[in-house]
Amino acid sequence: MINLERYPLDCPDTDRYRQVVAGSSREMARCGLVNLEGFLSSEGTTRLIGEIDGLMPNAYFSRKHENAYGAPVSDDLPDDHPYRIVGKTERHGLAYHQLRDTALEDLYRWPPLRRFVADVTGHGTLYLHEDPSNALVVQIYKAGGGLAWHFDRALFSTILNLQKSDGGGVFECVPGLRKPGDPCFDDVRDVLLDESDRVEQHHPEAGSFSIMLGRYALHRVTTVEGVTPRMSVILSYEDRPGVRLDVATRKNFFGPTAPDD
């Protein structure tokens, strides 16, 4: 499924592999985001989309209104405080417990892919996320759907971009907008109110692979237009074993059919 000629993940001792890792790592250090075009083969992209299309009747639809920090909204704060500025997320999703015995699961669990992500992000070792739902997640944005401005909980995110929408569905982000211990409310407010000149727009092609430092990058997917949905897959890796969601959070994200534990 992976274009191994361009990205030789199965040959980590070669000069070509080291060149790919070094270039990707430099891009991550420069802007907190790297997008690897043509990461999947055309056959691999088609196969994964076909799998997802077959599972779409099981997808969980969710519509939520949250602020960028995922924090409780307080009426004691000013109207323009980032905690008071709420955006809408609307999407269909397939969680890991719905993706067992698929090519997507095989790809997620393939050790060379995990080693490659570890090398690019500078982690000595990465582990599979152990949550039965959150480890591997397909996100489908149909017409009218989108992802509100937010920061990720995870330090970094790895995303397979499978299908572009007919219109809209633009990935927008502001890398490094907040810092450890500093929520940077003023800068975040400017982005949420469309008063910032730091917003970057990205248009990843189908079959590309993105790695982003999402905990510190404010990002969103703009409203999708047209018949063709936007489709991507989040693969979650951790720097320590045993990471999983609590049951309440899992069911909030993935619906009542998500496993109890």
C-alpha atoms as a PDB file:
ATOM      1  CA  MET A   1       0.000   0.000   0.000  1.00  0.00           C
ATOM      2  CA  ILE A   2       2.930   2.360   0.629  1.00  0.00           C
ATOM      3  CA  ASN A   3       5.057   3.747  -2.190  1.00  0.00           C
ATOM      4  CA  LEU A   4       8.213   2.016  -0.975  1.00  0.00           C
ATOM      5  CA  GLU A   5      10.300   3.220  -3.898  1.00  0.00           C
ATOM      6  CA  ARG A   6       9.821   6.808  -2.813  1.00  0.00           C
ATOM      7  CA  TYR A   7       9.553   6.082   0.939  1.00  0.00           C
ATOM      8  CA  PRO A   8      11.618   2.923   1.682  1.00  0.00           C
ATOM      9  CA  LEU A   9      10.237   2.239   5.154  1.00  0.00           C
ATOM     10  CA  ASP A  10      11.190  -1.418   4.793  1.00  0.00           C
ATOM     11  CA  CYS A  11      14.892  -0.511   4.310  1.00  0.00           C
ATOM     12  CA  PRO A  12      15.830   1.676   7.289  1.00  0.00           C
ATOM     13  CA  ASP A  13      19.573   1.141   6.846  1.00  0.00           C
ATOM     14  CA  THR A  14      19.721   2.736   3.398  1.00  0.00           C
ATOM     15  CA  ASP A  15      20.865   6.232   2.485  1.00  0.00           C
ATOM     16  CA  ARG A  16      17.511   6.933   0.835  1.00  0.00           C
ATOM     17  CA  TYR A  17      15.621   6.158   4.073  1.00  0.00           C
ATOM     18  CA  ARG A  18      17.954   8.389   6.072  1.00  0.00           C
ATOM     19  CA  GLN A  19      17.512  11.207   3.553  1.00  0.00           C
ATOM     20  CA  VAL A  20      13.717  10.999   3.793  1.00  0.00           C
ATOM     21  CA  VAL A  21      13.837  11.009   7.597  1.00  0.00           C
ATOM     22  CA  ALA A  22      16.322  13.896   7.742  1.00  0.00           C
ATOM     23  CA  GLY A  23      14.310  16.035   5.339  1.00  0.00           C
ATOM     24  CA  SER A  24      11.043  15.315   7.144  1.00  0.00           C
ATOM     25  CA  SER A  25      12.592  16.041  10.536  1.00  0.00           C
ATOM     26  CA  ARG A  26      13.941  19.391   9.331  1.00  0.00           C
ATOM     27  CA  GLU A  27      10.514  20.362   8.044  1.00  0.00           C
ATOM     28  CA  MET A  28       8.923  19.356  11.363  1.00  0.00           C
ATOM     29  CA  ALA A  29      11.447  21.436  13.285  1.00  0.00           C
ATOM     30  CA  ARG A  30      10.895  24.420  10.972  1.00  0.00           C
ATOM     31  CA  CYS A  31       7.110  24.616  10.993  1.00  0.00           C
ATOM     32  CA  GLY A  32       5.683  21.802  13.149  1.00  0.00           C
ATOM     33  CA  LEU A  33       4.120  20.060  10.150  1.00  0.00           C
ATOM     34  CA  VAL A  34       5.348  17.826   7.353  1.00  0.00           C
ATOM     35  CA  ASN A  35       3.227  16.469   4.510  1.00  0.00           C
ATOM     36  CA  LEU A  36       4.631  13.592   2.467  1.00  0.00           C
ATOM     37  CA  GLU A  37       2.974  13.578  -0.952  1.00  0.00           C
ATOM     38  CA  GLY A  38       2.562  10.251  -2.742  1.00  0.00           C
ATOM     39  CA  PHE A  39       3.132   8.276   0.443  1.00  0.00           C
ATOM     40  CA  LEU A  40       0.490   5.710  -0.500  1.00  0.00           C
ATOM     41  CA  SER A  41       0.505   3.972  -3.846  1.00  0.00           C
ATOM     42  CA  SER A  42      -2.512   4.663  -6.046  1.00  0.00           C
ATOM     43  CA  GLU A  43      -3.565   1.053  -5.520  1.00  0.00           C
ATOM     44  CA  GLY A  44      -3.213   1.449  -1.761  1.00  0.00           C
ATOM     45  CA  THR A  45      -5.296   4.627  -1.723  1.00  0.00           C
ATOM     46  CA  THR A  46      -8.031   2.985  -3.797  1.00  0.00           C
ATOM     47  CA  ARG A  47      -8.051  -0.088  -1.571  1.00  0.00           C
ATOM     48  CA  LEU A  48      -8.387   1.886   1.657  1.00  0.00           C
ATOM     49  CA  ILE A  49     -11.153   4.088   0.266  1.00  0.00           C
ATOM     50  CA  GLY A  50     -13.002   0.956  -0.860  1.00  0.00           C
ATOM     51  CA  GLU A  51     -12.740  -0.528   2.623  1.00  0.00           C
ATOM     52  CA  ILE A  52     -14.096   2.620   4.205  1.00  0.00           C
ATOM     53  CA  ASP A  53     -16.944   2.914   1.708  1.00  0.00           C
ATOM     54  CA  GLY A  54     -18.004  -0.620   2.621  1.00  0.00           C
ATOM     55  CA  LEU A  55     -18.060   0.262   6.317  1.00  0.00           C
ATOM     56  CA  MET A  56     -19.842   3.622   5.965  1.00  0.00           C
ATOM     57  CA  PRO A  57     -23.244   2.253   7.119  1.00  0.00           C
ATOM     58  CA  ASN A  58     -21.609   1.708  10.532  1.00  0.00           C
ATOM     59  CA  ALA A  59     -20.144   5.215  10.795  1.00  0.00           C
ATOM     60  CA  TYR A  60     -21.094   7.277  13.836  1.00  0.00           C
ATOM     61  CA  PHE A  61     -22.381  10.787  13.091  1.00  0.00           C
ATOM     62  CA  SER A  62     -21.532  13.473  15.598  1.00  0.00           C
ATOM     63  CA  ARG A  63     -22.217  17.194  15.827  1.00  0.00           C
ATOM     64  CA  LYS A  64     -20.555  19.114  18.645  1.00  0.00           C
ATOM     65  CA  HIS A  65     -19.959  22.710  19.679  1.00  0.00           C
ATOM     66  CA  GLU A  66     -16.740  23.262  21.608  1.00  0.00           C
ATOM     67  CA  ASN A  67     -14.039  25.851  22.153  1.00  0.00           C
ATOM     68  CA  ALA A  68     -10.497  25.424  20.874  1.00  0.00           C
ATOM     69  CA  TYR A  69      -9.168  24.142  24.199  1.00  0.00           C
ATOM     70  CA  GLY A  70     -11.925  21.626  24.866  1.00  0.00           C
ATOM     71  CA  ALA A  71     -12.469  23.466  28.147  1.00  0.00           C
ATOM     72  CA  PRO A  72     -15.742  24.114  29.999  1.00  0.00           C
ATOM     73  CA  VAL A  73     -17.431  27.368  28.982  1.00  0.00           C
ATOM     74  CA  SER A  74     -17.736  29.880  31.829  1.00  0.00           C
ATOM     75  CA  ASP A  75     -20.224  32.751  31.793  1.00  0.00           C
ATOM     76  CA  ASP A  76     -17.882  34.660  34.097  1.00  0.00           C
ATOM     77  CA  LEU A  77     -15.455  35.306  31.241  1.00  0.00           C
ATOM     78  CA  PRO A  78     -15.629  38.121  28.666  1.00  0.00           C
ATOM     79  CA  ASP A  79     -17.475  37.364  25.424  1.00  0.00           C
ATOM     80  CA  ASP A  80     -14.260  37.455  23.395  1.00  0.00           C
ATOM     81  CA  HIS A  81     -12.339  35.094  25.671  1.00  0.00           C
ATOM     82  CA  PRO A  82     -11.298  31.972  23.676  1.00  0.00           C
ATOM     83  CA  TYR A  83     -13.203  29.779  26.123  1.00  0.00           C
ATOM     84  CA  ARG A  84     -16.396  31.623  25.091  1.00  0.00           C
ATOM     85  CA  ILE A  85     -15.812  31.345  21.321  1.00  0.00           C
ATOM     86  CA  VAL A  86     -17.359  28.068  20.230  1.00  0.00           C
ATOM     87  CA  GLY A  87     -17.076  26.325  16.877  1.00  0.00           C
ATOM     88  CA  LYS A  88     -19.040  23.489  15.279  1.00  0.00           C
ATOM     89  CA  THR A  89     -17.635  20.078  14.400  1.00  0.00           C
ATOM     90  CA  GLU A  90     -19.743  17.812  12.213  1.00  0.00           C
ATOM     91  CA  ARG A  91     -18.450  14.509  10.875  1.00  0.00           C
ATOM     92  CA  HIS A  92     -18.977  10.790  10.413  1.00  0.00           C
ATOM     93  CA  GLY A  93     -16.430   8.500  12.016  1.00  0.00           C
ATOM     94  CA  LEU A  94     -15.276   4.892  12.105  1.00  0.00           C
ATOM     95  CA  ALA A  95     -13.358   3.889  15.225  1.00  0.00           C
ATOM     96  CA  TYR A  96     -10.756   1.175  15.741  1.00  0.00           C
ATOM     97  CA  HIS A  97     -13.271  -1.329  17.089  1.00  0.00           C
ATOM     98  CA  GLN A  98     -15.038  -1.057  13.717  1.00  0.00           C
ATOM     99  CA  LEU A  99     -11.837  -1.472  11.684  1.00  0.00           C
ATOM    100  CA  ARG A 100     -10.565  -4.838  12.883  1.00  0.00           C
ATOM    101  CA  ASP A 101      -9.239  -7.270  10.275  1.00  0.00           C
ATOM    102  CA  THR A 102      -8.875  -4.581   7.616  1.00  0.00           C
ATOM    103  CA  ALA A 103      -5.953  -3.381   5.530  1.00  0.00           C
ATOM    104  CA  LEU A 104      -6.109  -0.158   7.558  1.00  0.00           C
ATOM    105  CA  GLU A 105      -5.450  -2.083  10.746  1.00  0.00           C
ATOM    106  CA  ASP A 106      -2.580  -3.975   9.108  1.00  0.00           C
ATOM    107  CA  LEU A 107      -1.020  -0.687   8.024  1.00  0.00           C
ATOM    108  CA  TYR A 108      -1.449   0.890  11.462  1.00  0.00           C
ATOM    109  CA  ARG A 109       0.176  -2.082  13.190  1.00  0.00           C
ATOM    110  CA  TRP A 110       3.015  -2.456  10.664  1.00  0.00           C
ATOM    111  CA  PRO A 111       6.236  -1.941  12.701  1.00  0.00           C
ATOM    112  CA  PRO A 112       8.214  -0.114   9.960  1.00  0.00           C
ATOM    113  CA  LEU A 113       5.572   2.626   9.794  1.00  0.00           C
ATOM    114  CA  ARG A 114       5.735   3.144  13.557  1.00  0.00           C
ATOM    115  CA  ARG A 115       9.540   3.207  13.430  1.00  0.00           C
ATOM    116  CA  PHE A 116       9.434   5.796  10.626  1.00  0.00           C
ATOM    117  CA  VAL A 117       7.138   8.085  12.636  1.00  0.00           C
ATOM    118  CA  ALA A 118       9.431   7.669  15.653  1.00  0.00           C
ATOM    119  CA  ASP A 119      12.483   8.602  13.575  1.00  0.00           C
ATOM    120  CA  VAL A 120      10.834  11.690  12.077  1.00  0.00           C
ATOM    121  CA  THR A 121       9.488  12.943  15.415  1.00  0.00           C
ATOM    122  CA  GLY A 122      12.688  12.152  17.314  1.00  0.00           C
ATOM    123  CA  HIS A 123      11.261   9.478  19.606  1.00  0.00           C
ATOM    124  CA  GLY A 124      13.449   6.484  20.289  1.00  0.00           C
ATOM    125  CA  THR A 125      10.467   4.184  20.582  1.00  0.00           C
ATOM    126  CA  LEU A 126       6.763   4.563  19.908  1.00  0.00           C
ATOM    127  CA  TYR A 127       3.928   2.297  21.015  1.00  0.00           C
ATOM    128  CA  LEU A 128       0.524   1.506  19.620  1.00  0.00           C
ATOM    129  CA  HIS A 129      -2.246   3.455  21.307  1.00  0.00           C
ATOM    130  CA  GLU A 130      -4.119   0.903  23.427  1.00  0.00           C
ATOM    131  CA  ASP A 131      -7.602   2.388  23.321  1.00  0.00           C
ATOM    132  CA  PRO A 132     -10.001   0.014  21.519  1.00  0.00           C
ATOM    133  CA  SER A 133     -11.662   2.915  19.678  1.00  0.00           C
ATOM    134  CA  ASN A 134      -9.263   5.856  19.531  1.00  0.00           C
ATOM    135  CA  ALA A 135      -6.143   4.085  18.233  1.00  0.00           C
ATOM    136  CA  LEU A 136      -7.248   4.231  14.608  1.00  0.00           C
ATOM    137  CA  VAL A 137     -10.002   6.584  13.454  1.00  0.00           C
ATOM    138  CA  VAL A 138     -11.487   7.333  10.038  1.00  0.00           C
ATOM    139  CA  GLN A 139     -12.950  10.824   9.649  1.00  0.00           C
ATOM    140  CA  ILE A 140     -15.480  11.522   6.893  1.00  0.00           C
ATOM    141  CA  TYR A 141     -16.694  15.063   6.301  1.00  0.00           C
ATOM    142  CA  LYS A 142     -19.733  15.295   4.038  1.00  0.00           C
ATOM    143  CA  ALA A 143     -21.312  18.465   2.637  1.00  0.00           C
ATOM    144  CA  GLY A 144     -21.826  20.928   5.480  1.00  0.00           C
ATOM    145  CA  GLY A 145     -19.417  19.098   7.756  1.00  0.00           C
ATOM    146  CA  GLY A 146     -16.118  20.344   9.111  1.00  0.00           C
ATOM    147  CA  LEU A 147     -13.787  20.415  12.087  1.00  0.00           C
ATOM    148  CA  ALA A 148     -13.752  23.392  14.454  1.00  0.00           C
ATOM    149  CA  TRP A 149     -10.574  25.191  15.517  1.00  0.00           C
ATOM    150  CA  HIS A 150      -8.884  23.121  18.224  1.00  0.00           C
ATOM    151  CA  PHE A 151      -5.658  21.868  19.759  1.00  0.00           C
ATOM    152  CA  ASP A 152      -4.990  18.127  19.939  1.00  0.00           C
ATOM    153  CA  ARG A 153      -4.527  16.271  23.194  1.00  0.00           C
ATOM    154  CA  ALA A 154      -1.729  14.167  21.721  1.00  0.00           C
ATOM    155  CA  LEU A 155       1.721  15.677  21.260  1.00  0.00           C
ATOM    156  CA  PHE A 156       1.723  14.816  17.564  1.00  0.00           C
ATOM    157  CA  SER A 157      -0.793  13.554  15.032  1.00  0.00           C
ATOM    158  CA  THR A 158      -0.264  11.233  12.066  1.00  0.00           C
ATOM    159  CA  ILE A 159      -2.830  11.492   9.275  1.00  0.00           C
ATOM    160  CA  LEU A 160      -3.397   9.591   6.051  1.00  0.00           C
ATOM    161  CA  ASN A 161      -5.172  11.856   3.569  1.00  0.00           C
ATOM    162  CA  LEU A 162      -7.337   9.645   1.374  1.00  0.00           C
ATOM    163  CA  GLN A 163      -9.855  11.808  -0.463  1.00  0.00           C
ATOM    164  CA  LYS A 164     -10.399  15.508  -1.160  1.00  0.00           C
ATOM    165  CA  SER A 165     -13.852  17.051  -1.230  1.00  0.00           C
ATOM    166  CA  ASP A 166     -15.259  18.822  -4.287  1.00  0.00           C
ATOM    167  CA  GLY A 167     -14.986  22.144  -2.490  1.00  0.00           C
ATOM    168  CA  GLY A 168     -14.099  23.478   0.937  1.00  0.00           C
ATOM    169  CA  GLY A 169     -12.531  21.000   3.326  1.00  0.00           C
ATOM    170  CA  VAL A 170      -9.341  23.051   3.528  1.00  0.00           C
ATOM    171  CA  PHE A 171      -6.911  22.199   6.295  1.00  0.00           C
ATOM    172  CA  GLU A 172      -5.966  25.410   8.098  1.00  0.00           C
ATOM    173  CA  CYS A 173      -3.445  25.635  10.910  1.00  0.00           C
ATOM    174  CA  VAL A 174      -1.229  27.936  12.937  1.00  0.00           C
ATOM    175  CA  PRO A 175       1.810  25.870  13.971  1.00  0.00           C
ATOM    176  CA  GLY A 176       3.338  26.581  17.369  1.00  0.00           C
ATOM    177  CA  LEU A 177       0.597  28.990  18.383  1.00  0.00           C
ATOM    178  CA  ARG A 178       0.655  28.047  22.060  1.00  0.00           C
ATOM    179  CA  LYS A 179       3.503  26.922  24.284  1.00  0.00           C
ATOM    180  CA  PRO A 180       3.861  24.514  27.209  1.00  0.00           C
ATOM    181  CA  GLY A 181       2.359  26.249  30.232  1.00  0.00           C
ATOM    182  CA  ASP A 182       1.148  29.237  28.203  1.00  0.00           C
ATOM    183  CA  PRO A 183      -2.312  29.056  26.536  1.00  0.00           C
ATOM    184  CA  CYS A 184      -1.565  32.226  24.509  1.00  0.00           C
ATOM    185  CA  PHE A 185      -5.152  33.455  24.774  1.00  0.00           C
ATOM    186  CA  ASP A 186      -4.580  36.711  22.851  1.00  0.00           C
ATOM    187  CA  ASP A 187      -3.040  35.000  19.819  1.00  0.00           C
ATOM    188  CA  VAL A 188      -5.695  32.287  19.827  1.00  0.00           C
ATOM    189  CA  ARG A 189      -8.467  34.881  20.071  1.00  0.00           C
ATOM    190  CA  ASP A 190      -7.112  36.660  16.980  1.00  0.00           C
ATOM    191  CA  VAL A 191      -7.319  33.413  14.972  1.00  0.00           C
ATOM    192  CA  LEU A 192     -10.819  32.585  16.188  1.00  0.00           C
ATOM    193  CA  LEU A 193     -12.036  36.081  15.270  1.00  0.00           C
ATOM    194  CA  ASP A 194     -10.348  35.990  11.828  1.00  0.00           C
ATOM    195  CA  GLU A 195      -7.969  38.763  12.864  1.00  0.00           C
ATOM    196  CA  SER A 196      -4.679  36.871  12.477  1.00  0.00           C
ATOM    197  CA  ASP A 197      -2.277  36.810   9.532  1.00  0.00           C
ATOM    198  CA  ARG A 198      -0.592  33.617  10.758  1.00  0.00           C
ATOM    199  CA  VAL A 199      -3.124  31.097   9.402  1.00  0.00           C
ATOM    200  CA  GLU A 200      -1.677  28.669   6.848  1.00  0.00           C
ATOM    201  CA  GLN A 201      -3.801  26.785   4.329  1.00  0.00           C
ATOM    202  CA  HIS A 202      -2.848  23.305   3.188  1.00  0.00           C
ATOM    203  CA  HIS A 203      -4.379  21.163   0.452  1.00  0.00           C
ATOM    204  CA  PRO A 204      -2.961  17.665   0.975  1.00  0.00           C
ATOM    205  CA  GLU A 205      -3.517  15.385  -1.994  1.00  0.00           C
ATOM    206  CA  ALA A 206      -5.078  11.941  -1.775  1.00  0.00           C
ATOM    207  CA  GLY A 207      -2.461   9.404  -0.718  1.00  0.00           C
ATOM    208  CA  SER A 208      -0.315  11.842   1.269  1.00  0.00           C
ATOM    209  CA  PHE A 209       0.792  11.336   4.876  1.00  0.00           C
ATOM    210  CA  SER A 210       0.950  14.228   7.359  1.00  0.00           C
ATOM    211  CA  ILE A 211       2.702  14.438  10.724  1.00  0.00           C
ATOM    212  CA  MET A 212       1.873  17.473  12.868  1.00  0.00           C
ATOM    213  CA  LEU A 213       2.670  18.733  16.357  1.00  0.00           C
ATOM    214  CA  GLY A 214      -1.035  19.199  17.010  1.00  0.00           C
ATOM    215  CA  ARG A 215      -0.884  19.908  20.730  1.00  0.00           C
ATOM    216  CA  TYR A 216       0.620  23.323  20.012  1.00  0.00           C
ATOM    217  CA  ALA A 217      -0.834  23.954  16.547  1.00  0.00           C
ATOM    218  CA  LEU A 218      -4.327  25.432  16.336  1.00  0.00           C
ATOM    219  CA  HIS A 219      -6.030  23.797  13.359  1.00  0.00           C
ATOM    220  CA  ARG A 220      -9.345  23.082  11.669  1.00  0.00           C
ATOM    221  CA  VAL A 221     -11.034  21.718   8.528  1.00  0.00           C
ATOM    222  CA  THR A 222     -13.239  24.282   6.791  1.00  0.00           C
ATOM    223  CA  THR A 223     -16.815  23.451   5.789  1.00  0.00           C
ATOM    224  CA  VAL A 224     -17.026  20.826   3.049  1.00  0.00           C
ATOM    225  CA  GLU A 225     -18.946  21.515  -0.168  1.00  0.00           C
ATOM    226  CA  GLY A 226     -20.149  19.191  -2.913  1.00  0.00           C
ATOM    227  CA  VAL A 227     -20.970  15.510  -3.257  1.00  0.00           C
ATOM    228  CA  THR A 228     -17.548  13.958  -2.645  1.00  0.00           C
ATOM    229  CA  PRO A 229     -16.738  13.750   1.077  1.00  0.00           C
ATOM    230  CA  ARG A 230     -13.365  14.597   2.565  1.00  0.00           C
ATOM    231  CA  MET A 231     -11.790  11.443   4.016  1.00  0.00           C
ATOM    232  CA  SER A 232      -8.767  10.963   6.267  1.00  0.00           C
ATOM    233  CA  VAL A 233      -7.426   8.497   8.829  1.00  0.00           C
ATOM    234  CA  ILE A 234      -5.765   9.295  12.160  1.00  0.00           C
ATOM    235  CA  LEU A 235      -3.202   6.769  13.380  1.00  0.00           C
ATOM    236  CA  SER A 236      -2.342   7.258  17.056  1.00  0.00           C
ATOM    237  CA  TYR A 237       1.077   6.345  18.442  1.00  0.00           C
ATOM    238  CA  GLU A 238       2.319   7.021  21.970  1.00  0.00           C
ATOM    239  CA  ASP A 239       5.684   7.544  23.662  1.00  0.00           C
ATOM    240  CA  ARG A 240       4.725   5.145  26.448  1.00  0.00           C
ATOM    241  CA  PRO A 241       2.668   1.949  26.651  1.00  0.00           C
ATOM    242  CA  GLY A 242      -0.791   1.640  28.171  1.00  0.00           C
ATOM    243  CA  VAL A 243      -2.363   4.914  26.967  1.00  0.00           C
ATOM    244  CA  ARG A 244      -6.157   4.746  26.541  1.00  0.00           C
ATOM    245  CA  LEU A 245      -9.256   6.895  27.036  1.00  0.00           C
ATOM    246  CA  ASP A 246     -11.636   6.600  29.934  1.00  0.00           C
ATOM    247  CA  VAL A 247     -14.944   4.982  29.005  1.00  0.00           C
ATOM    248  CA  ALA A 248     -17.009   8.178  29.250  1.00  0.00           C
ATOM    249  CA  THR A 249     -14.697  10.071  26.890  1.00  0.00           C
ATOM    250  CA  ARG A 250     -14.603   7.130  24.483  1.00  0.00           C
ATOM    251  CA  LYS A 251     -18.390   6.939  24.249  1.00  0.00           C
ATOM    252  CA  ASN A 252     -18.632  10.712  23.900  1.00  0.00           C
ATOM    253  CA  PHE A 253     -16.289  10.609  20.910  1.00  0.00           C
ATOM    254  CA  PHE A 254     -17.413   7.379  19.259  1.00  0.00           C
ATOM    255  CA  GLY A 255     -20.997   6.756  20.372  1.00  0.00           C
ATOM    256  CA  PRO A 256     -22.836   4.305  22.607  1.00  0.00           C
ATOM    257  CA  THR A 257     -21.567   1.216  20.754  1.00  0.00           C
ATOM    258  CA  ALA A 258     -17.956   1.947  21.728  1.00  0.00           C
ATOM    259  CA  PRO A 259     -16.513  -0.752  24.045  1.00  0.00           C
ATOM    260  CA  ASP A 260     -16.905  -0.294  27.776  1.00  0.00           C
ATOM    261  CA  ASP A 261     -13.275  -1.247  28.261  1.00  0.00           C
END
